[in-house]
Structures are given as structure tokens and as C-alpha cells.
Amino acid sequence: MTKIDKLIQRLLSRPRDFTYDQLVKVLNHFGYDEIKKGKTAGSRRAFVNEITKHVVRLHKPHPGNILKMYVIDYVITELKDQGLI
């Protein structure tokens, strides 16, 4: 099992300490790129899959790096709906 496979399995287990950086790695693995608009994008982030044009929008956590559970649930649902996991 590769590192990214382990990270995906960890995401699916809905851990309370999953970080934004880990989520970016998972989304990048599935072909999503973060869209940055202007000088500051604020806490609202969008990830777009260039092939399917599917967009995942979420809030970047601050001041910490730990994601809220609703964000984890949302990302899992979106990835399942796209048939990626």
C-alpha cells in the first residue's frame, strides 16, 4: 500500500486530526488543483479537476491546520459521487 493509499484510507476513517495539507495531497492525487484568485483568496478555497471540471469548495482552517468534521464528510461525499473512491 502506497503512502497516498494510506492517506486516502485515513481520510475515509474520518479522523479528528486530518490536516488541510493532507487533504490537498489527496485532492491533487485525484487530479484536483487549487484555484487561487487575487492576492489573497481568503479562507474559501476551490479545487478543480481539469478533466471533469468538477469543483470542490471548502474553507481552509485557521488559525490551525486541522479540518472540521463537516469538511471531511463533504470531501468524502464529493469524491464518492465522482466515483474516485
N, C-alpha and C. Protein backbone atom coordinates (compact mmCIF):
# COMPACT_ATOMS: atom_id res chain seq x y z
N MET A 1 0.85 -1.18 0.00
CA MET A 1 0.00 0.00 0.00
C MET A 1 0.90 1.25 0.00
N THR A 2 0.63 2.16 -0.92
CA THR A 2 1.47 3.35 -1.04
C THR A 2 1.08 4.39 0.02
N LYS A 3 1.89 5.42 0.11
CA LYS A 3 1.61 6.50 1.08
C LYS A 3 0.27 7.17 0.80
N ILE A 4 -0.01 7.41 -0.49
CA ILE A 4 -1.26 8.08 -0.82
C ILE A 4 -2.45 7.17 -0.52
N ASP A 5 -2.29 5.87 -0.75
CA ASP A 5 -3.37 4.92 -0.41
C ASP A 5 -3.64 4.94 1.09
N LYS A 6 -2.59 5.00 1.87
CA LYS A 6 -2.75 5.07 3.33
C LYS A 6 -3.43 6.36 3.73
N LEU A 7 -3.08 7.45 3.07
CA LEU A 7 -3.69 8.75 3.37
C LEU A 7 -5.17 8.75 3.00
N ILE A 8 -5.52 8.13 1.88
CA ILE A 8 -6.93 8.03 1.48
C ILE A 8 -7.70 7.18 2.49
N GLN A 9 -7.13 6.06 2.91
CA GLN A 9 -7.77 5.21 3.92
C GLN A 9 -7.96 5.99 5.22
N ARG A 10 -6.99 6.79 5.56
CA ARG A 10 -7.08 7.61 6.78
C ARG A 10 -8.22 8.63 6.65
N LEU A 11 -8.33 9.26 5.49
CA LEU A 11 -9.43 10.21 5.25
C LEU A 11 -10.77 9.51 5.42
N LEU A 12 -10.90 8.32 4.85
CA LEU A 12 -12.16 7.58 4.92
C LEU A 12 -12.51 7.14 6.33
N SER A 13 -11.51 7.06 7.21
CA SER A 13 -11.78 6.69 8.60
C SER A 13 -12.27 7.89 9.42
N ARG A 14 -12.34 9.07 8.78
CA ARG A 14 -12.84 10.31 9.38
C ARG A 14 -12.10 10.68 10.68
N PRO A 15 -10.77 10.82 10.62
CA PRO A 15 -10.01 11.17 11.83
C PRO A 15 -10.27 12.61 12.26
N ARG A 16 -10.15 12.85 13.51
CA ARG A 16 -10.37 14.20 14.05
C ARG A 16 -9.15 15.10 13.89
N ASP A 17 -8.03 14.54 13.42
CA ASP A 17 -6.81 15.33 13.28
C ASP A 17 -6.28 15.37 11.85
N PHE A 18 -7.18 15.25 10.87
CA PHE A 18 -6.78 15.30 9.46
C PHE A 18 -6.49 16.76 9.10
N THR A 19 -5.34 16.99 8.48
CA THR A 19 -4.92 18.36 8.22
C THR A 19 -5.27 18.81 6.80
N TYR A 20 -5.29 20.10 6.62
CA TYR A 20 -5.54 20.70 5.31
C TYR A 20 -4.48 20.25 4.32
N ASP A 21 -3.23 20.20 4.75
CA ASP A 21 -2.14 19.80 3.86
C ASP A 21 -2.32 18.36 3.38
N GLN A 22 -2.80 17.49 4.26
CA GLN A 22 -3.06 16.10 3.87
C GLN A 22 -4.20 16.04 2.85
N LEU A 23 -5.22 16.86 3.06
CA LEU A 23 -6.34 16.90 2.13
C LEU A 23 -5.89 17.38 0.76
N VAL A 24 -5.03 18.37 0.71
CA VAL A 24 -4.51 18.87 -0.57
C VAL A 24 -3.79 17.75 -1.31
N LYS A 25 -3.02 16.93 -0.60
CA LYS A 25 -2.31 15.81 -1.23
C LYS A 25 -3.30 14.82 -1.83
N VAL A 26 -4.38 14.52 -1.10
CA VAL A 26 -5.39 13.58 -1.59
C VAL A 26 -6.07 14.15 -2.83
N LEU A 27 -6.48 15.41 -2.75
CA LEU A 27 -7.17 16.02 -3.90
C LEU A 27 -6.24 16.13 -5.11
N ASN A 28 -4.98 16.45 -4.90
CA ASN A 28 -4.02 16.52 -6.00
C ASN A 28 -3.86 15.14 -6.66
N HIS A 29 -3.88 14.10 -5.85
CA HIS A 29 -3.77 12.73 -6.37
C HIS A 29 -4.91 12.42 -7.34
N PHE A 30 -6.09 12.93 -7.06
CA PHE A 30 -7.26 12.69 -7.90
C PHE A 30 -7.41 13.72 -9.02
N GLY A 31 -6.40 14.56 -9.22
CA GLY A 31 -6.40 15.49 -10.34
C GLY A 31 -6.99 16.86 -10.05
N TYR A 32 -7.18 17.19 -8.79
CA TYR A 32 -7.73 18.50 -8.43
C TYR A 32 -6.59 19.47 -8.16
N ASP A 33 -6.72 20.67 -8.70
CA ASP A 33 -5.75 21.73 -8.47
C ASP A 33 -6.43 22.87 -7.74
N GLU A 34 -5.71 23.46 -6.79
CA GLU A 34 -6.26 24.57 -6.02
C GLU A 34 -6.27 25.83 -6.87
N ILE A 35 -7.41 26.53 -6.87
CA ILE A 35 -7.54 27.78 -7.60
C ILE A 35 -7.28 28.92 -6.63
N LYS A 36 -6.35 29.79 -7.00
CA LYS A 36 -6.04 30.94 -6.15
C LYS A 36 -6.37 32.19 -6.94
N LYS A 37 -7.27 32.98 -6.41
CA LYS A 37 -7.69 34.21 -7.10
C LYS A 37 -7.15 35.42 -6.36
N GLY A 38 -6.60 36.35 -7.08
CA GLY A 38 -6.13 37.60 -6.49
C GLY A 38 -4.96 37.42 -5.55
N LYS A 39 -4.65 38.47 -4.83
CA LYS A 39 -3.55 38.42 -3.88
C LYS A 39 -3.85 37.46 -2.75
N THR A 40 -5.06 37.58 -2.21
CA THR A 40 -5.45 36.71 -1.12
C THR A 40 -6.78 36.06 -1.47
N ALA A 41 -6.82 34.76 -1.32
CA ALA A 41 -8.05 34.04 -1.62
C ALA A 41 -8.91 33.94 -0.37
N GLY A 42 -8.41 34.42 0.75
CA GLY A 42 -9.16 34.30 1.99
C GLY A 42 -9.17 32.85 2.45
N SER A 43 -10.14 32.49 3.28
CA SER A 43 -10.19 31.13 3.78
C SER A 43 -10.99 30.22 2.86
N ARG A 44 -11.70 30.76 1.91
CA ARG A 44 -12.50 29.96 0.99
C ARG A 44 -11.61 29.45 -0.13
N ARG A 45 -11.58 28.12 -0.32
CA ARG A 45 -10.73 27.51 -1.34
C ARG A 45 -11.57 26.71 -2.33
N ALA A 46 -11.11 26.65 -3.55
CA ALA A 46 -11.76 25.86 -4.58
C ALA A 46 -10.71 24.97 -5.23
N PHE A 47 -11.07 23.72 -5.43
CA PHE A 47 -10.21 22.76 -6.11
C PHE A 47 -10.96 22.28 -7.34
N VAL A 48 -10.32 22.35 -8.51
CA VAL A 48 -10.97 22.00 -9.77
C VAL A 48 -10.23 20.84 -10.41
N ASN A 49 -11.00 19.86 -10.86
CA ASN A 49 -10.45 18.76 -11.64
C ASN A 49 -10.46 19.22 -13.09
N GLU A 50 -9.30 19.32 -13.70
CA GLU A 50 -9.18 19.86 -15.06
C GLU A 50 -9.86 18.98 -16.09
N ILE A 51 -9.94 17.68 -15.85
CA ILE A 51 -10.55 16.77 -16.81
C ILE A 51 -12.07 16.84 -16.74
N THR A 52 -12.62 16.70 -15.53
CA THR A 52 -14.08 16.65 -15.38
C THR A 52 -14.70 18.02 -15.11
N LYS A 53 -13.87 19.00 -14.78
CA LYS A 53 -14.32 20.35 -14.41
C LYS A 53 -15.14 20.36 -13.11
N HIS A 54 -15.07 19.28 -12.36
CA HIS A 54 -15.77 19.21 -11.06
C HIS A 54 -15.04 20.11 -10.06
N VAL A 55 -15.81 20.84 -9.26
CA VAL A 55 -15.25 21.77 -8.29
C VAL A 55 -15.59 21.33 -6.88
N VAL A 56 -14.59 21.34 -6.01
CA VAL A 56 -14.78 21.09 -4.58
C VAL A 56 -14.44 22.39 -3.87
N ARG A 57 -15.42 22.95 -3.17
CA ARG A 57 -15.22 24.21 -2.44
C ARG A 57 -15.25 23.95 -0.95
N LEU A 58 -14.31 24.55 -0.24
CA LEU A 58 -14.26 24.36 1.20
C LEU A 58 -13.55 25.53 1.87
N HIS A 59 -13.63 25.56 3.18
CA HIS A 59 -12.93 26.58 3.96
C HIS A 59 -11.61 26.02 4.45
N LYS A 60 -10.56 26.80 4.25
CA LYS A 60 -9.26 26.43 4.81
C LYS A 60 -9.31 26.76 6.29
N PRO A 61 -8.93 25.79 7.13
CA PRO A 61 -9.00 26.06 8.57
C PRO A 61 -7.98 27.13 9.00
N HIS A 62 -8.36 27.90 9.96
CA HIS A 62 -7.45 28.89 10.53
C HIS A 62 -7.92 29.21 11.94
N PRO A 63 -7.11 29.51 12.88
CA PRO A 63 -5.66 29.68 12.73
C PRO A 63 -4.90 28.35 12.66
N GLY A 64 -5.53 27.23 13.00
CA GLY A 64 -4.86 25.93 12.94
C GLY A 64 -4.90 25.34 11.55
N ASN A 65 -4.54 24.07 11.46
CA ASN A 65 -4.48 23.38 10.18
C ASN A 65 -5.40 22.15 10.15
N ILE A 66 -6.12 21.89 11.25
CA ILE A 66 -6.97 20.71 11.39
C ILE A 66 -8.34 21.00 10.77
N LEU A 67 -8.81 20.08 9.91
CA LEU A 67 -10.10 20.25 9.25
C LEU A 67 -11.26 19.94 10.18
N LYS A 68 -12.35 20.64 9.97
CA LYS A 68 -13.59 20.36 10.69
C LYS A 68 -14.19 19.07 10.12
N MET A 69 -14.97 18.36 10.93
CA MET A 69 -15.54 17.09 10.50
C MET A 69 -16.49 17.26 9.31
N TYR A 70 -17.23 18.37 9.27
CA TYR A 70 -18.15 18.56 8.15
C TYR A 70 -17.41 18.71 6.83
N VAL A 71 -16.19 19.24 6.85
CA VAL A 71 -15.39 19.38 5.64
C VAL A 71 -14.93 18.00 5.18
N ILE A 72 -14.49 17.18 6.11
CA ILE A 72 -14.07 15.82 5.78
C ILE A 72 -15.24 15.04 5.17
N ASP A 73 -16.40 15.13 5.80
CA ASP A 73 -17.59 14.44 5.29
C ASP A 73 -17.96 14.93 3.89
N TYR A 74 -17.89 16.23 3.68
CA TYR A 74 -18.21 16.82 2.38
C TYR A 74 -17.26 16.31 1.30
N VAL A 75 -15.96 16.29 1.59
CA VAL A 75 -14.97 15.85 0.60
C VAL A 75 -15.16 14.37 0.28
N ILE A 76 -15.39 13.56 1.30
CA ILE A 76 -15.63 12.13 1.07
C ILE A 76 -16.85 11.95 0.17
N THR A 77 -17.93 12.66 0.45
CA THR A 77 -19.14 12.56 -0.37
C THR A 77 -18.87 12.98 -1.81
N GLU A 78 -18.17 14.08 -1.99
CA GLU A 78 -17.87 14.58 -3.34
C GLU A 78 -17.01 13.58 -4.12
N LEU A 79 -15.99 13.01 -3.48
CA LEU A 79 -15.13 12.06 -4.15
C LEU A 79 -15.88 10.77 -4.48
N LYS A 80 -16.78 10.35 -3.60
CA LYS A 80 -17.61 9.16 -3.87
C LYS A 80 -18.56 9.43 -5.03
N ASP A 81 -19.18 10.60 -5.03
CA ASP A 81 -20.11 10.96 -6.10
C ASP A 81 -19.41 10.98 -7.47
N GLN A 82 -18.14 11.32 -7.49
CA GLN A 82 -17.37 11.35 -8.73
C GLN A 82 -16.79 9.97 -9.10
N GLY A 83 -17.01 8.99 -8.22
CA GLY A 83 -16.52 7.63 -8.48
C GLY A 83 -15.02 7.47 -8.29
N LEU A 84 -14.43 8.34 -7.51
CA LEU A 84 -12.99 8.30 -7.30
C LEU A 84 -12.59 7.40 -6.12
N ILE A 85 -13.49 7.29 -5.16
CA ILE A 85 -13.22 6.39 -4.02
C ILE A 85 -14.43 5.50 -3.79
